[in-house]
PDB file of N, CA and C in Angstrom:
ATOM      1  N   MET A   1      63.631 113.195  94.329  1.00  0.00           N
ATOM      2  CA  MET A   1      64.176 114.327  93.612  1.00  0.00           C
ATOM      3  C   MET A   1      63.248 115.534  93.697  1.00  0.00           C
ATOM      4  N   VAL A   2      61.977 115.311  93.588  1.00  0.00           N
ATOM      5  CA  VAL A   2      61.022 116.415  93.573  1.00  0.00           C
ATOM      6  C   VAL A   2      60.976 117.111  94.928  1.00  0.00           C
ATOM      7  N   GLU A   3      61.281 116.399  96.002  1.00  0.00           N
ATOM      8  CA  GLU A   3      61.233 116.989  97.329  1.00  0.00           C
ATOM      9  C   GLU A   3      62.219 118.147  97.474  1.00  0.00           C
ATOM     10  N   GLN A   4      63.339 118.119  96.734  1.00  0.00           N
ATOM     11  CA  GLN A   4      64.326 119.183  96.846  1.00  0.00           C
ATOM     12  C   GLN A   4      64.112 120.290  95.824  1.00  0.00           C
ATOM     13  N   LEU A   5      63.128 120.146  94.953  1.00  0.00           N
ATOM     14  CA  LEU A   5      62.850 121.148  93.940  1.00  0.00           C
ATOM     15  C   LEU A   5      62.517 122.483  94.601  1.00  0.00           C
ATOM     16  N   GLY A   6      63.193 123.535  94.200  1.00  0.00           N
ATOM     17  CA  GLY A   6      62.934 124.866  94.746  1.00  0.00           C
ATOM     18  C   GLY A   6      63.584 125.121  96.092  1.00  0.00           C
ATOM     19  N   SER A   7      64.474 124.255  96.516  1.00  0.00           N
ATOM     20  CA  SER A   7      65.089 124.450  97.835  1.00  0.00           C
ATOM     21  C   SER A   7      66.367 125.280  97.766  1.00  0.00           C
ATOM     22  N   GLY A   8      66.786 125.712  96.581  1.00  0.00           N
ATOM     23  CA  GLY A   8      68.036 126.456  96.429  1.00  0.00           C
ATOM     24  C   GLY A   8      68.038 127.789  97.134  1.00  0.00           C
ATOM     25  N   VAL A   9      66.989 128.572  96.947  1.00  0.00           N
ATOM     26  CA  VAL A   9      66.936 129.910  97.553  1.00  0.00           C
ATOM     27  C   VAL A   9      66.930 129.818  99.082  1.00  0.00           C
ATOM     28  N   PRO A  10      66.122 128.962  99.678  1.00  0.00           N
ATOM     29  CA  PRO A  10      66.187 128.861 101.144  1.00  0.00           C
ATOM     30  C   PRO A  10      67.578 128.444 101.645  1.00  0.00           C
ATOM     31  N   ARG A  11      68.254 127.557 100.900  1.00  0.00           N
ATOM     32  CA  ARG A  11      69.597 127.147 101.323  1.00  0.00           C
ATOM     33  C   ARG A  11      70.591 128.296 101.183  1.00  0.00           C
ATOM     34  N   ILE A  12      70.444 129.112 100.134  1.00  0.00           N
ATOM     35  CA  ILE A  12      71.305 130.288  99.969  1.00  0.00           C
ATOM     36  C   ILE A  12      71.078 131.255 101.131  1.00  0.00           C
ATOM     37  N   LEU A  13      69.817 131.507 101.458  1.00  0.00           N
ATOM     38  CA  LEU A  13      69.507 132.419 102.563  1.00  0.00           C
ATOM     39  C   LEU A  13      70.038 131.892 103.888  1.00  0.00           C
ATOM     40  N   LYS A  14      69.970 130.592 104.078  1.00  0.00           N
ATOM     41  CA  LYS A  14      70.472 129.994 105.315  1.00  0.00           C
ATOM     42  C   LYS A  14      71.995 130.143 105.418  1.00  0.00           C
ATOM     43  N   THR A  15      72.670 129.996 104.290  1.00  0.00           N
ATOM     44  CA  THR A  15      74.127 130.035 104.290  1.00  0.00           C
ATOM     45  C   THR A  15      74.674 131.456 104.259  1.00  0.00           C
ATOM     46  N   TYR A  16      74.083 132.346 103.440  1.00  0.00           N
ATOM     47  CA  TYR A  16      74.680 133.661 103.217  1.00  0.00           C
ATOM     48  C   TYR A  16      73.879 134.822 103.795  1.00  0.00           C
ATOM     49  N   SER A  17      72.610 134.870 103.657  1.00  0.00           N
ATOM     50  CA  SER A  17      71.686 135.917 104.095  1.00  0.00           C
ATOM     51  C   SER A  17      71.077 136.592 102.874  1.00  0.00           C
ATOM     52  N   LYS A  18      70.070 137.390 103.115  1.00  0.00           N
ATOM     53  CA  LYS A  18      69.369 138.052 102.001  1.00  0.00           C
ATOM     54  C   LYS A  18      70.209 139.163 101.371  1.00  0.00           C
ATOM     55  N   ASP A  19      71.301 139.558 102.023  1.00  0.00           N
ATOM     56  CA  ASP A  19      72.157 140.624 101.492  1.00  0.00           C
ATOM     57  C   ASP A  19      72.857 140.234 100.193  1.00  0.00           C
ATOM     58  N   CYS A  20      72.901 138.941  99.876  1.00  0.00           N
ATOM     59  CA  CYS A  20      73.575 138.520  98.649  1.00  0.00           C
ATOM     60  C   CYS A  20      72.699 138.743  97.410  1.00  0.00           C
ATOM     61  N   PHE A  21      71.426 139.097  97.600  1.00  0.00           N
ATOM     62  CA  PHE A  21      70.524 139.348  96.477  1.00  0.00           C
ATOM     63  C   PHE A  21      70.443 140.836  96.169  1.00  0.00           C
ATOM     64  N   VAL A  22      70.540 141.171  94.878  1.00  0.00           N
ATOM     65  CA  VAL A  22      70.352 142.543  94.412  1.00  0.00           C
ATOM     66  C   VAL A  22      69.272 142.488  93.338  1.00  0.00           C
ATOM     67  N   PHE A  23      68.188 143.257  93.539  1.00  0.00           N
ATOM     68  CA  PHE A  23      67.078 143.232  92.593  1.00  0.00           C
ATOM     69  C   PHE A  23      67.082 144.507  91.759  1.00  0.00           C
ATOM     70  N   GLY A  24      66.996 144.332  90.455  1.00  0.00           N
ATOM     71  CA  GLY A  24      66.875 145.458  89.537  1.00  0.00           C
ATOM     72  C   GLY A  24      65.526 145.385  88.842  1.00  0.00           C
ATOM     73  N   ASP A  25      65.256 146.336  87.931  1.00  0.00           N
ATOM     74  CA  ASP A  25      63.993 146.327  87.197  1.00  0.00           C
ATOM     75  C   ASP A  25      63.850 145.086  86.317  1.00  0.00           C
ATOM     76  N   SER A  26      64.942 144.655  85.735  1.00  0.00           N
ATOM     77  CA  SER A  26      64.854 143.524  84.807  1.00  0.00           C
ATOM     78  C   SER A  26      65.825 142.390  85.158  1.00  0.00           C
ATOM     79  N   PHE A  27      66.349 142.385  86.367  1.00  0.00           N
ATOM     80  CA  PHE A  27      67.304 141.333  86.725  1.00  0.00           C
ATOM     81  C   PHE A  27      67.315 141.092  88.225  1.00  0.00           C
ATOM     82  N   THR A  28      67.827 139.939  88.574  1.00  0.00           N
ATOM     83  CA  THR A  28      68.144 139.608  89.960  1.00  0.00           C
ATOM     84  C   THR A  28      69.584 139.122  89.951  1.00  0.00           C
ATOM     85  N   ARG A  29      70.402 139.757  90.759  1.00  0.00           N
ATOM     86  CA  ARG A  29      71.814 139.383  90.822  1.00  0.00           C
ATOM     87  C   ARG A  29      72.106 138.846  92.218  1.00  0.00           C
ATOM     88  N   MET A  30      72.903 137.779  92.250  1.00  0.00           N
ATOM     89  CA  MET A  30      73.341 137.231  93.531  1.00  0.00           C
ATOM     90  C   MET A  30      74.858 137.381  93.608  1.00  0.00           C
ATOM     91  N   ALA A  31      75.330 137.961  94.686  1.00  0.00           N
ATOM     92  CA  ALA A  31      76.767 138.150  94.898  1.00  0.00           C
ATOM     93  C   ALA A  31      77.143 137.423  96.184  1.00  0.00           C
ATOM     94  N   PHE A  32      78.076 136.486  96.064  1.00  0.00           N
ATOM     95  CA  PHE A  32      78.494 135.695  97.213  1.00  0.00           C
ATOM     96  C   PHE A  32      79.888 136.112  97.653  1.00  0.00           C
ATOM     97  N   PRO A  33      80.113 136.245  98.947  1.00  0.00           N
ATOM     98  CA  PRO A  33      81.454 136.590  99.428  1.00  0.00           C
ATOM     99  C   PRO A  33      82.421 135.446  99.148  1.00  0.00           C
ATOM    100  N   LEU A  34      83.704 135.796  99.045  1.00  0.00           N
ATOM    101  CA  LEU A  34      84.715 134.764  98.851  1.00  0.00           C
ATOM    102  C   LEU A  34      84.711 133.834 100.047  1.00  0.00           C
ATOM    103  N   ASN A  35      84.882 132.573  99.751  1.00  0.00           N
ATOM    104  CA  ASN A  35      84.882 131.609 100.850  1.00  0.00           C
ATOM    105  C   ASN A  35      86.298 131.367 101.356  1.00  0.00           C
ATOM    106  N   SER A  36      86.402 130.569 102.355  1.00  0.00           N
ATOM    107  CA  SER A  36      87.701 130.335 102.982  1.00  0.00           C
ATOM    108  C   SER A  36      88.660 129.551 102.093  1.00  0.00           C
ATOM    109  N   SER A  37      88.157 128.890 101.051  1.00  0.00           N
ATOM    110  CA  SER A  37      89.074 128.138 100.193  1.00  0.00           C
ATOM    111  C   SER A  37      90.030 129.075  99.474  1.00  0.00           C
ATOM    112  N   MET A  38      89.582 130.290  99.169  1.00  0.00           N
ATOM    113  CA  MET A  38      90.462 131.283  98.543  1.00  0.00           C
ATOM    114  C   MET A  38      91.555 131.679  99.533  1.00  0.00           C
ATOM    115  N   GLU A  39      91.186 131.878 100.787  1.00  0.00           N
ATOM    116  CA  GLU A  39      92.167 132.220 101.818  1.00  0.00           C
ATOM    117  C   GLU A  39      93.147 131.067 102.027  1.00  0.00           C
ATOM    118  N   THR A  40      92.632 129.847 102.010  1.00  0.00           N
ATOM    119  CA  THR A  40      93.481 128.671 102.176  1.00  0.00           C
ATOM    120  C   THR A  40      94.486 128.574 101.040  1.00  0.00           C
ATOM    121  N   THR A  41      94.030 128.827  99.812  1.00  0.00           N
ATOM    122  CA  THR A  41      94.924 128.789  98.649  1.00  0.00           C
ATOM    123  C   THR A  41      96.028 129.830  98.790  1.00  0.00           C
ATOM    124  N   GLN A  42      95.675 131.035  99.237  1.00  0.00           N
ATOM    125  CA  GLN A  42      96.674 132.087  99.418  1.00  0.00           C
ATOM    126  C   GLN A  42      97.690 131.703 100.482  1.00  0.00           C
ATOM    127  N   LYS A  43      97.223 131.129 101.584  1.00  0.00           N
ATOM    128  CA  LYS A  43      98.132 130.718 102.653  1.00  0.00           C
ATOM    129  C   LYS A  43      99.056 129.601 102.183  1.00  0.00           C
ATOM    130  N   THR A  44      98.507 128.645 101.421  1.00  0.00           N
ATOM    131  CA  THR A  44      99.318 127.553 100.891  1.00  0.00           C
ATOM    132  C   THR A  44     100.375 128.083  99.942  1.00  0.00           C
ATOM    133  N   THR A  45      99.994 129.035  99.084  1.00  0.00           N
ATOM    134  CA  THR A  45     100.938 129.645  98.148  1.00  0.00           C
ATOM    135  C   THR A  45     102.055 130.350  98.900  1.00  0.00           C
ATOM    136  N   GLN A  46     101.717 131.081  99.951  1.00  0.00           N
ATOM    137  CA  GLN A  46     102.734 131.772 100.748  1.00  0.00           C
ATOM    138  C   GLN A  46     103.681 130.774 101.413  1.00  0.00           C
ATOM    139  N   LYS A  47     103.130 129.689 101.940  1.00  0.00           N
ATOM    140  CA  LYS A  47     103.972 128.679 102.591  1.00  0.00           C
ATOM    141  C   LYS A  47     104.906 128.021 101.579  1.00  0.00           C
ATOM    142  N   THR A  48     104.383 127.734 100.388  1.00  0.00           N
ATOM    143  CA  THR A  48     105.210 127.124  99.345  1.00  0.00           C
ATOM    144  C   THR A  48     106.335 128.062  98.951  1.00  0.00           C
ATOM    145  N   THR A  49     106.014 129.340  98.782  1.00  0.00           N
ATOM    146  CA  THR A  49     107.020 130.333  98.428  1.00  0.00           C
ATOM    147  C   THR A  49     108.098 130.411  99.497  1.00  0.00           C
ATOM    148  N   GLN A  50     107.712 130.407 100.759  1.00  0.00           N
ATOM    149  CA  GLN A  50     108.678 130.469 101.850  1.00  0.00           C
ATOM    150  C   GLN A  50     109.555 129.216 101.876  1.00  0.00           C
ATOM    151  N   LYS A  51     108.960 128.055 101.598  1.00  0.00           N
ATOM    152  CA  LYS A  51     109.750 126.818 101.553  1.00  0.00           C
ATOM    153  C   LYS A  51     110.769 126.875 100.426  1.00  0.00           C
ATOM    154  N   ILE A  52     110.346 127.372  99.262  1.00  0.00           N
ATOM    155  CA  ILE A  52     111.256 127.491  98.118  1.00  0.00           C
ATOM    156  C   ILE A  52     112.417 128.410  98.476  1.00  0.00           C
ATOM    157  N   LEU A  53     112.128 129.553  99.063  1.00  0.00           N
ATOM    158  CA  LEU A  53     113.182 130.502  99.438  1.00  0.00           C
ATOM    159  C   LEU A  53     114.140 129.892 100.460  1.00  0.00           C
ATOM    160  N   LYS A  54     113.607 129.159 101.411  1.00  0.00           N
ATOM    161  CA  LYS A  54     114.444 128.510 102.432  1.00  0.00           C
ATOM    162  C   LYS A  54     115.380 127.487 101.780  1.00  0.00           C
ATOM    163  N   LEU A  55     114.833 126.682 100.872  1.00  0.00           N
ATOM    164  CA  LEU A  55     115.642 125.663 100.206  1.00  0.00           C
ATOM    165  C   LEU A  55     116.697 126.285  99.296  1.00  0.00           C
ATOM    166  N   ILE A  56     116.344 127.386  98.629  1.00  0.00           N
ATOM    167  CA  ILE A  56     117.322 128.077  97.780  1.00  0.00           C
ATOM    168  C   ILE A  56     118.435 128.667  98.643  1.00  0.00           C
ATOM    169  N   LYS A  57     118.073 129.197  99.797  1.00  0.00           N
ATOM    170  CA  LYS A  57     119.077 129.765 100.703  1.00  0.00           C
ATOM    171  C   LYS A  57     120.046 128.680 101.174  1.00  0.00           C
ATOM    172  N   GLU A  58     119.513 127.486 101.457  1.00  0.00           N
ATOM    173  CA  GLU A  58     120.341 126.375 101.908  1.00  0.00           C
ATOM    174  C   GLU A  58     121.209 125.811 100.785  1.00  0.00           C
ATOM    175  N   ASN A  59     120.664 125.826  99.553  1.00  0.00           N
ATOM    176  CA  ASN A  59     121.397 125.268  98.416  1.00  0.00           C
ATOM    177  C   ASN A  59     121.039 126.053  97.149  1.00  0.00           C
ATOM    178  N   PRO A  60     121.793 127.104  96.833  1.00  0.00           N
ATOM    179  CA  PRO A  60     121.499 127.921  95.648  1.00  0.00           C
ATOM    180  C   PRO A  60     121.560 127.149  94.330  1.00  0.00           C
ATOM    181  N   ASN A  61     122.214 125.997  94.314  1.00  0.00           N
ATOM    182  CA  ASN A  61     122.328 125.193  93.097  1.00  0.00           C
ATOM    183  C   ASN A  61     121.160 124.226  92.910  1.00  0.00           C
ATOM    184  N   THR A  62     120.172 124.290  93.769  1.00  0.00           N
ATOM    185  CA  THR A  62     119.049 123.352  93.719  1.00  0.00           C
ATOM    186  C   THR A  62     118.295 123.456  92.394  1.00  0.00           C
ATOM    187  N   THR A  63     117.669 122.356  92.011  1.00  0.00           N
ATOM    188  CA  THR A  63     116.910 122.304  90.762  1.00  0.00           C
ATOM    189  C   THR A  63     115.410 122.296  91.059  1.00  0.00           C
ATOM    190  N   ARG A  64     114.623 122.506  90.006  1.00  0.00           N
ATOM    191  CA  ARG A  64     113.165 122.440  90.167  1.00  0.00           C
ATOM    192  C   ARG A  64     112.751 121.053  90.653  1.00  0.00           C
ATOM    193  N   LYS A  65     113.395 120.018  90.121  1.00  0.00           N
ATOM    194  CA  LYS A  65     113.064 118.656  90.520  1.00  0.00           C
ATOM    195  C   LYS A  65     113.357 118.442  92.004  1.00  0.00           C
ATOM    196  N   GLU A  66     114.510 118.920  92.452  1.00  0.00           N
ATOM    197  CA  GLU A  66     114.869 118.777  93.870  1.00  0.00           C
ATOM    198  C   GLU A  66     113.893 119.561  94.758  1.00  0.00           C
ATOM    199  N   LEU A  67     113.534 120.758  94.339  1.00  0.00           N
ATOM    200  CA  LEU A  67     112.577 121.558  95.112  1.00  0.00           C
ATOM    201  C   LEU A  67     111.243 120.829  95.210  1.00  0.00           C
ATOM    202  N   SER A  68     110.806 120.258  94.102  1.00  0.00           N
ATOM    203  CA  SER A  68     109.547 119.520  94.074  1.00  0.00           C
ATOM    204  C   SER A  68     109.584 118.331  95.032  1.00  0.00           C
ATOM    205  N   LEU A  69     110.687 117.610  95.030  1.00  0.00           N
ATOM    206  CA  LEU A  69     110.823 116.443  95.905  1.00  0.00           C
ATOM    207  C   LEU A  69     110.878 116.833  97.383  1.00  0.00           C
ATOM    208  N   HIS A  70     111.599 117.914  97.701  1.00  0.00           N
ATOM    209  CA  HIS A  70     111.729 118.343  99.094  1.00  0.00           C
ATOM    210  C   HIS A  70     110.410 118.888  99.648  1.00  0.00           C
ATOM    211  N   ILE A  71     109.692 119.650  98.837  1.00  0.00           N
ATOM    212  CA  ILE A  71     108.452 120.258  99.307  1.00  0.00           C
ATOM    213  C   ILE A  71     107.326 119.232  99.319  1.00  0.00           C
ATOM    214  N   GLY A  72     107.258 118.391  98.290  1.00  0.00           N
ATOM    215  CA  GLY A  72     106.200 117.386  98.205  1.00  0.00           C
ATOM    216  C   GLY A  72     104.874 118.012  97.799  1.00  0.00           C
ATOM    217  N   ASN A  73     104.005 117.220  97.243  1.00  0.00           N
ATOM    218  CA  ASN A  73     102.672 117.665  96.817  1.00  0.00           C
ATOM    219  C   ASN A  73     102.697 118.842  95.856  1.00  0.00           C
ATOM    220  N   ILE A  74     103.760 118.983  95.089  1.00  0.00           N
ATOM    221  CA  ILE A  74     103.827 120.020  94.071  1.00  0.00           C
ATOM    222  C   ILE A  74     104.689 119.499  92.917  1.00  0.00           C
ATOM    223  N   THR A  75     104.230 119.755  91.712  1.00  0.00           N
ATOM    224  CA  THR A  75     104.948 119.277  90.530  1.00  0.00           C
ATOM    225  C   THR A  75     106.089 120.225  90.183  1.00  0.00           C
ATOM    226  N   GLU A  76     106.942 119.776  89.263  1.00  0.00           N
ATOM    227  CA  GLU A  76     108.010 120.653  88.781  1.00  0.00           C
ATOM    228  C   GLU A  76     107.428 121.878  88.084  1.00  0.00           C
ATOM    229  N   ASP A  77     106.300 121.701  87.398  1.00  0.00           N
ATOM    230  CA  ASP A  77     105.639 122.848  86.766  1.00  0.00           C
ATOM    231  C   ASP A  77     105.122 123.833  87.814  1.00  0.00           C
ATOM    232  N   GLY A  78     104.645 123.305  88.934  1.00  0.00           N
ATOM    233  CA  GLY A  78     104.218 124.173  90.032  1.00  0.00           C
ATOM    234  C   GLY A  78     105.389 124.962  90.590  1.00  0.00           C
ATOM    235  N   ILE A  79     106.530 124.306  90.729  1.00  0.00           N
ATOM    236  CA  ILE A  79     107.750 124.983  91.191  1.00  0.00           C
ATOM    237  C   ILE A  79     108.147 126.057  90.185  1.00  0.00           C
ATOM    238  N   LYS A  80     108.076 125.724  88.904  1.00  0.00           N
ATOM    239  CA  LYS A  80     108.417 126.687  87.849  1.00  0.00           C
ATOM    240  C   LYS A  80     107.534 127.928  87.951  1.00  0.00           C
ATOM    241  N   TYR A  81     106.238 127.718  88.195  1.00  0.00           N
ATOM    242  CA  TYR A  81     105.297 128.837  88.367  1.00  0.00           C
ATOM    243  C   TYR A  81     105.746 129.741  89.506  1.00  0.00           C
ATOM    244  N   HIS A  82     106.058 129.145  90.652  1.00  0.00           N
ATOM    245  CA  HIS A  82     106.466 129.920  91.827  1.00  0.00           C
ATOM    246  C   HIS A  82     107.798 130.638  91.589  1.00  0.00           C
ATOM    247  N   LEU A  83     108.740 129.954  90.945  1.00  0.00           N
ATOM    248  CA  LEU A  83     110.030 130.578  90.657  1.00  0.00           C
ATOM    249  C   LEU A  83     109.857 131.779  89.726  1.00  0.00           C
ATOM    250  N   ASN A  84     109.037 131.623  88.689  1.00  0.00           N
ATOM    251  CA  ASN A  84     108.779 132.748  87.772  1.00  0.00           C
ATOM    252  C   ASN A  84     108.122 133.916  88.494  1.00  0.00           C
ATOM    253  N   LYS A  85     107.211 133.597  89.397  1.00  0.00           N
ATOM    254  CA  LYS A  85     106.545 134.642  90.186  1.00  0.00           C
ATOM    255  C   LYS A  85     107.561 135.383  91.069  1.00  0.00           C
ATOM    256  N   LEU A  86     108.446 134.629  91.713  1.00  0.00           N
ATOM    257  CA  LEU A  86     109.475 135.234  92.557  1.00  0.00           C
ATOM    258  C   LEU A  86     110.444 136.081  91.730  1.00  0.00           C
ATOM    259  N   LYS A  87     110.765 135.621  90.502  1.00  0.00           N
ATOM    260  CA  LYS A  87     111.638 136.410  89.628  1.00  0.00           C
ATOM    261  C   LYS A  87     110.965 137.714  89.216  1.00  0.00           C
ATOM    262  N   LYS A  88     109.692 137.643  88.862  1.00  0.00           N
ATOM    263  CA  LYS A  88     108.954 138.856  88.466  1.00  0.00           C
ATOM    264  C   LYS A  88     108.847 139.855  89.614  1.00  0.00           C
ATOM    265  N   GLN A  89     108.763 139.338  90.839  1.00  0.00           N
ATOM    266  CA  GLN A  89     108.682 140.199  92.021  1.00  0.00           C
ATOM    267  C   GLN A  89     110.040 140.751  92.424  1.00  0.00           C
ATOM    268  N   GLY A  90     111.095 140.301  91.756  1.00  0.00           N
ATOM    269  CA  GLY A  90     112.434 140.787  92.065  1.00  0.00           C
ATOM    270  C   GLY A  90     113.011 140.220  93.347  1.00  0.00           C
ATOM    271  N   ILE A  91     112.525 139.063  93.759  1.00  0.00           N
ATOM    272  CA  ILE A  91     112.988 138.454  95.000  1.00  0.00           C
ATOM    273  C   ILE A  91     114.167 137.517  94.741  1.00  0.00           C
ATOM    274  N   ILE A  92     114.151 136.835  93.588  1.00  0.00           N
ATOM    275  CA  ILE A  92     115.248 135.952  93.217  1.00  0.00           C
ATOM    276  C   ILE A  92     115.656 136.220  91.773  1.00  0.00           C
ATOM    277  N   GLN A  93     116.837 135.748  91.433  1.00  0.00           N
ATOM    278  CA  GLN A  93     117.267 135.786  90.035  1.00  0.00           C
ATOM    279  C   GLN A  93     118.126 134.562  89.762  1.00  0.00           C
ATOM    280  N   ARG A  94     118.141 134.187  88.501  1.00  0.00           N
ATOM    281  CA  ARG A  94     118.959 133.039  88.086  1.00  0.00           C
ATOM    282  C   ARG A  94     120.278 133.568  87.561  1.00  0.00           C
ATOM    283  N   ILE A  95     121.368 133.068  88.100  1.00  0.00           N
ATOM    284  CA  ILE A  95     122.711 133.439  87.661  1.00  0.00           C
ATOM    285  C   ILE A  95     123.273 132.268  86.865  1.00  0.00           C
ATOM    286  N   GLY A  96     123.678 132.521  85.644  1.00  0.00           N
ATOM    287  CA  GLY A  96     124.243 131.465  84.802  1.00  0.00           C
ATOM    288  C   GLY A  96     123.165 130.694  84.061  1.00  0.00           C
ATOM    289  N   PRO A  97     123.590 129.624  83.385  1.00  0.00           N
ATOM    290  CA  PRO A  97     122.668 128.836  82.564  1.00  0.00           C
ATOM    291  C   PRO A  97     121.760 127.945  83.410  1.00  0.00           C
ATOM    292  N   ASP A  98     120.760 127.345  82.741  1.00  0.00           N
ATOM    293  CA  ASP A  98     119.861 126.421  83.436  1.00  0.00           C
ATOM    294  C   ASP A  98     120.635 125.281  84.085  1.00  0.00           C
ATOM    295  N   LYS A  99     121.586 124.743  83.349  1.00  0.00           N
ATOM    296  CA  LYS A  99     122.435 123.680  83.910  1.00  0.00           C
ATOM    297  C   LYS A  99     123.767 124.315  84.301  1.00  0.00           C
ATOM    298  N   GLY A 100     124.085 124.236  85.579  1.00  0.00           N
ATOM    299  CA  GLY A 100     125.341 124.799  86.052  1.00  0.00           C
ATOM    300  C   GLY A 100     125.188 126.166  86.693  1.00  0.00           C
ATOM    301  N   GLY A 101     124.015 126.758  86.585  1.00  0.00           N
ATOM    302  CA  GLY A 101     123.773 128.056  87.212  1.00  0.00           C
ATOM    303  C   GLY A 101     123.291 127.891  88.641  1.00  0.00           C
ATOM    304  N   TYR A 102     122.938 128.999  89.241  1.00  0.00           N
ATOM    305  CA  TYR A 102     122.435 128.950  90.616  1.00  0.00           C
ATOM    306  C   TYR A 102     121.432 130.082  90.842  1.00  0.00           C
ATOM    307  N   TRP A 103     120.690 129.963  91.939  1.00  0.00           N
ATOM    308  CA  TRP A 103     119.700 130.968  92.322  1.00  0.00           C
ATOM    309  C   TRP A 103     120.315 131.941  93.306  1.00  0.00           C
ATOM    310  N   GLN A 104     119.947 133.193  93.163  1.00  0.00           N
ATOM    311  CA  GLN A 104     120.398 134.214  94.106  1.00  0.00           C
ATOM    312  C   GLN A 104     119.163 134.917  94.662  1.00  0.00           C
ATOM    313  N   ILE A 105     119.095 134.999  95.995  1.00  0.00           N
ATOM    314  CA  ILE A 105     118.010 135.722  96.629  1.00  0.00           C
ATOM    315  C   ILE A 105     118.398 137.192  96.696  1.00  0.00           C
ATOM    316  N   ILE A 106     117.574 138.028  96.083  1.00  0.00           N
ATOM    317  CA  ILE A 106     117.845 139.465  96.029  1.00  0.00           C
ATOM    318  C   ILE A 106     117.251 140.159  97.253  1.00  0.00           C
ATOM    319  N   GLU A 107     116.053 139.762  97.583  1.00  0.00           N
ATOM    320  CA  GLU A 107     115.330 140.404  98.683  1.00  0.00           C
ATOM    321  C   GLU A 107     114.604 139.330  99.456  1.00  0.00           C
ATOM    322  N   GLN A 108     114.802 139.269 100.750  1.00  0.00           N
ATOM    323  CA  GLN A 108     114.139 138.278 101.596  1.00  0.00           C
ATOM    324  C   GLN A 108     112.998 138.947 102.328  1.00  0.00           C
ATOM    325  N   ASN A 109     111.731 138.589 101.972  1.00  0.00           N
ATOM    326  CA  ASN A 109     110.563 139.106 102.675  1.00  0.00           C
ATOM    327  C   ASN A 109     110.292 138.213 103.888  1.00  0.00           C
ATOM    328  N   LYS A 110     110.196 138.818 105.037  1.00  0.00           N
ATOM    329  CA  LYS A 110     109.933 138.029 106.250  1.00  0.00           C
ATOM    330  C   LYS A 110     108.618 138.419 106.834  1.00  0.00           C
TER     331      LYS A 110
END
């Protein structure tokens, strides 16, 4: 354990460079660039949104449960999040009640 003591700064410099350090009179600040996991999350979100739109186009009467099953690796709550986001963006709207209603695509972003 003691062998790795104090090895953090050299590892930071090896990974990021000295540009991530900002020195002030009474502080030292480290700023790290966003990593690729943020980009991966954004790409996954976009793909999920596109899958949802495709499935709604194929079957406007689809449910959150059906969307979750068709897409896989996403819960009904995750589908609900994406649907609410699409509604706020004005891309889709719900016509009619939760049971018996359907989805309408207002604007298709390609």
